[in-house]
Amino acid sequence: MAMLAGPGAPSVAASCATTPSIDEAVLLGDVVFVGTVLRTENGGRWATVRVEERWSGARSLGDTVAVHGGPEPGTATSIDRTYVTTRYLFIVRHGDGVLEDDQCTATTPWTPELARLRPIDVSPAADVAANTASTELDLEPILPVVALIGALVIAVVAYVFILRARRRPPDWMR
């Protein structure tokens, strides 16, 4: 089944022999990382991705990478991958200056269930860790109120000391 990229665009038929399970793909993938698509081009088939977690084969990746889920503009295949601006677990191949992806890889939108595949030596991205359940008390929203109450207590204590000092005669008068 071939798809067209636009009116009169050449199309190429392609198919996947097999698509590996996500567990196999993470273990055997050329480059595996978690990232968020910042923007897309070429009909959503090319993505600029912020790398958030470097898993297998991804240690040398920059903070932002280009991932191509299809060929050059004006052409298309039936296995092109399209992206939206969300977080993915990318399982891709090295290409000519970019990372290559298609429907035959196990690249998938990120879900909390995928965290079970995270290598032991990789820490979760900061915003992923922030979304985990926490039993700690978050005082940041009430910090201004706490500061105001502290200032009020200091003012009352200072007022009481000043008032006591004014009512008591000096030591030489006693």
Protein backbone atom coordinates (compact mmCIF):
# COMPACT_ATOMS: atom_id res chain seq x y z
CA MET A 1 0.00 0.00 0.00
CA ALA A 2 1.60 3.27 -1.10
CA MET A 3 0.83 6.75 0.18
CA LEU A 4 1.26 10.05 -1.56
CA ALA A 5 2.97 13.00 0.07
CA GLY A 6 1.12 15.46 -2.08
CA PRO A 7 -0.42 15.91 -5.53
CA GLY A 8 1.77 14.21 -8.10
CA ALA A 9 4.31 13.09 -5.49
CA PRO A 10 6.05 9.81 -6.22
CA SER A 11 5.29 7.02 -3.79
CA VAL A 12 7.23 3.91 -2.92
CA ALA A 13 5.69 0.69 -1.63
CA ALA A 14 7.45 -0.82 1.34
CA SER A 15 6.60 -3.27 4.08
CA CYS A 16 7.93 -4.51 7.38
CA ALA A 17 9.03 -8.13 7.69
CA THR A 18 8.18 -8.09 11.40
CA THR A 19 7.89 -5.41 14.02
CA PRO A 20 9.65 -6.45 17.23
CA SER A 21 7.95 -6.32 20.59
CA ILE A 22 8.77 -3.24 22.63
CA ASP A 23 10.85 -5.33 25.06
CA GLU A 24 12.95 -6.83 22.23
CA ALA A 25 13.30 -3.49 20.48
CA VAL A 26 14.63 -1.75 23.60
CA LEU A 27 17.21 -4.52 24.08
CA LEU A 28 18.27 -4.79 20.43
CA GLY A 29 17.64 -1.26 19.13
CA ASP A 30 20.46 0.73 17.52
CA VAL A 31 19.60 3.99 19.32
CA VAL A 32 17.04 4.07 22.16
CA PHE A 33 16.06 7.23 24.01
CA VAL A 34 13.12 9.12 25.49
CA GLY A 35 12.40 12.54 24.03
CA THR A 36 9.71 15.11 23.34
CA VAL A 37 8.91 16.26 19.83
CA LEU A 38 9.31 20.03 19.75
CA ARG A 39 8.24 20.60 16.13
CA THR A 40 7.59 18.65 12.94
CA GLU A 41 8.22 19.20 9.24
CA ASN A 42 7.61 17.35 5.98
CA GLY A 43 4.00 16.48 6.75
CA GLY A 44 4.80 15.50 10.34
CA ARG A 45 7.36 12.90 9.20
CA TRP A 46 10.45 14.82 10.36
CA ALA A 47 10.76 15.76 14.00
CA THR A 48 13.03 17.96 16.06
CA VAL A 49 13.27 16.16 19.38
CA ARG A 50 14.52 17.25 22.82
CA VAL A 51 16.42 14.27 24.25
CA GLU A 52 15.39 13.67 27.87
CA GLU A 53 16.72 10.20 28.71
CA ARG A 54 19.62 8.49 26.93
CA TRP A 55 19.16 4.73 26.96
CA SER A 56 20.97 2.32 24.62
CA GLY A 57 23.35 3.74 22.00
CA ALA A 58 22.24 7.28 22.80
CA ARG A 59 24.97 8.53 25.15
CA SER A 60 26.53 10.74 22.47
CA LEU A 61 23.27 12.36 21.34
CA GLY A 62 22.99 16.12 21.69
CA ASP A 63 20.24 17.80 23.68
CA THR A 64 18.21 18.18 20.46
CA VAL A 65 18.23 15.74 17.52
CA ALA A 66 16.54 15.38 14.14
CA VAL A 67 14.52 12.21 13.56
CA HIS A 68 13.27 11.42 10.05
CA GLY A 69 10.23 9.17 9.87
CA GLY A 70 10.12 9.28 6.08
CA PRO A 71 12.05 10.28 2.95
CA GLU A 72 12.70 13.67 1.40
CA PRO A 73 9.81 16.10 0.80
CA GLY A 74 7.74 15.21 -2.23
CA THR A 75 8.09 11.44 -1.77
CA ALA A 76 6.48 8.96 0.58
CA THR A 77 6.43 5.29 1.50
CA SER A 78 3.77 3.15 3.08
CA ILE A 79 5.87 2.77 6.24
CA ASP A 80 6.47 6.47 6.96
CA ARG A 81 6.07 7.42 10.61
CA THR A 82 4.40 10.69 11.57
CA TYR A 83 4.87 12.51 14.86
CA VAL A 84 2.91 14.90 17.04
CA THR A 85 4.31 17.16 19.76
CA THR A 86 4.39 14.70 22.64
CA ARG A 87 6.90 12.46 24.46
CA TYR A 88 8.03 9.21 22.80
CA LEU A 89 10.22 6.23 23.50
CA PHE A 90 12.33 6.39 20.32
CA ILE A 91 13.91 3.24 18.89
CA VAL A 92 15.72 4.46 15.77
CA ARG A 93 18.70 3.88 13.44
CA HIS A 94 21.67 6.10 12.57
CA GLY A 95 21.27 7.74 9.16
CA ASP A 96 23.04 10.46 7.15
CA GLY A 97 23.40 13.09 9.88
CA VAL A 98 19.95 12.30 11.28
CA LEU A 99 18.25 9.47 13.09
CA GLU A 100 15.93 7.37 10.94
CA ASP A 101 12.62 5.88 12.01
CA ASP A 102 9.63 4.25 10.33
CA GLN A 103 6.60 2.07 11.07
CA CYS A 104 8.89 -1.01 11.28
CA THR A 105 10.51 0.16 14.53
CA ALA A 106 8.90 0.03 17.94
CA THR A 107 8.97 3.82 18.54
CA THR A 108 5.91 4.57 20.62
CA PRO A 109 4.32 7.45 22.53
CA TRP A 110 5.53 7.48 26.15
CA THR A 111 3.30 5.97 28.79
CA PRO A 112 4.10 5.35 32.48
CA GLU A 113 4.11 1.58 31.79
CA LEU A 114 7.24 2.01 29.63
CA ALA A 115 9.23 3.06 32.71
CA ARG A 116 9.68 -0.64 33.52
CA LEU A 117 12.03 -0.84 30.52
CA ARG A 118 14.26 2.02 31.72
CA PRO A 119 17.88 0.85 32.17
CA ILE A 120 19.15 0.85 35.75
CA ASP A 121 21.84 3.44 34.98
CA VAL A 122 19.35 5.97 33.53
CA SER A 123 17.51 8.48 35.70
CA PRO A 124 14.00 9.56 34.77
CA ALA A 125 13.67 12.96 33.12
CA ALA A 126 12.94 15.76 35.60
CA ASP A 127 9.36 16.30 34.47
CA VAL A 128 8.71 12.54 34.44
CA ALA A 129 9.97 12.29 38.01
CA ALA A 130 7.81 15.29 38.96
CA ASN A 131 4.69 13.44 37.77
CA THR A 132 5.26 10.51 40.12
CA ALA A 133 3.21 10.16 43.26
CA SER A 134 4.88 11.76 46.23
CA THR A 135 4.17 11.68 49.93
CA GLU A 136 6.22 14.81 50.63
CA LEU A 137 4.47 18.01 51.66
CA ASP A 138 4.80 20.72 49.01
CA LEU A 139 5.15 24.02 50.88
CA GLU A 140 5.87 26.22 47.87
CA PRO A 141 2.25 27.34 47.31
CA ILE A 142 1.85 28.40 50.96
CA LEU A 143 5.33 29.90 51.38
CA PRO A 144 4.10 33.54 51.08
CA VAL A 145 1.51 32.93 53.81
CA VAL A 146 4.13 31.35 56.09
CA ALA A 147 6.45 34.32 55.51
CA LEU A 148 3.64 36.78 56.29
CA ILE A 149 2.74 34.97 59.51
CA GLY A 150 6.44 34.93 60.53
CA ALA A 151 6.74 38.68 59.91
CA LEU A 152 3.56 39.30 61.93
CA VAL A 153 4.86 37.27 64.89
CA ILE A 154 8.15 39.21 64.82
CA ALA A 155 6.25 42.53 64.74
CA VAL A 156 4.04 41.56 67.71
CA VAL A 157 7.01 40.39 69.79
CA ALA A 158 8.93 43.60 69.00
CA TYR A 159 5.88 45.72 69.91
CA VAL A 160 5.49 43.93 73.25
CA PHE A 161 9.15 44.46 74.15
CA ILE A 162 9.00 48.14 73.18
CA LEU A 163 5.80 48.63 75.20
CA ARG A 164 7.33 46.95 78.27
CA ALA A 165 10.45 49.07 77.96
CA ARG A 166 8.36 52.29 77.94
CA ARG A 167 6.27 51.35 80.99
CA ARG A 168 9.17 50.29 83.20
CA PRO A 169 11.20 53.05 84.78
CA PRO A 170 14.92 53.05 84.17
CA ASP A 171 17.05 51.07 86.64
CA TRP A 172 18.50 54.24 88.28
CA MET A 173 14.99 55.36 89.27
CA ARG A 174 14.05 52.22 91.18
